[in-house]
Amino acid sequence: MSADPAPRGRLPAAARADRRDAILDAAEALLAEAGYAQTTMAEIARRAGASKGTLNGWFGGREGLLAAVMERNADRAAIRVTKALEAGGPPRTVLTGFAEGLLGLLTGPSSVALNRAAMGTPELAALLLASGRHRIGPLVEGYLARLAGDGVLALDDAGEAFTMLYGLVIRDTQIRVLLGEPQLGPAARKRQAATAVEAFLTLYRSKTTAR
């Protein structure tokens, strides 16, 4: 039996999801190109081929639309991190892959633009923390705790260990990019990630674990 048709004037669920993604893509691209002040609902609507009424009806305004961009990015990042951590392999390889991805994510144009927007909007700042550091952190902490349980790492507090790893990976790189320095290239990200993980393992490697 076929599904009931969507009510007149309402998009089917799949088409609505695609339309929503197109609007979020337009908002994200405009924010990265033009900055927060120039990211208007009118321009997003024009780029997405939608009406301002649709945007306001779906998102409630510019802050709501950018919040949806953050949430979508957080969902995608969480999926990538989960897959990387569950893929298996030597801890050094897994952690280095995570570190490279983290550097690319946090210094990429979209992340930089969203961070700049959040600086002047407390509600966006709170959401950025909740959907970013506070969402990814527990995933990595769980992985570190499993390594400790297996005797690979020697640590008492996985949360503290993740904070150390995060700091070793990011250093002052994100703030420098936010202030206008170019994003690290792939080779530089790889070197920085490898150095950070080596330092982390030196600090936390179990004495019974061979190099």
Foldseek 3Di string as FASTA:
>chain_A
DDDDDDPPPDDDPVVVVVLLVLLLVLQLVCLLVPADVPRALVNSCVNSVHDSVVVCVVQVGDVSSLLVNLLVVLVVLLVVLLCLLPVDDDPLVSQLVVLLVVLCVLLPSSNLSLVVVCVVPVVSVVSNCCSPCVVNQVSQLVSVVVCVVVQFWADDGSSVLSVQLVCQSCPCVNVVSNVPDHRDDSVVSSVSSSVSSVVSCVVIGHPVDDD
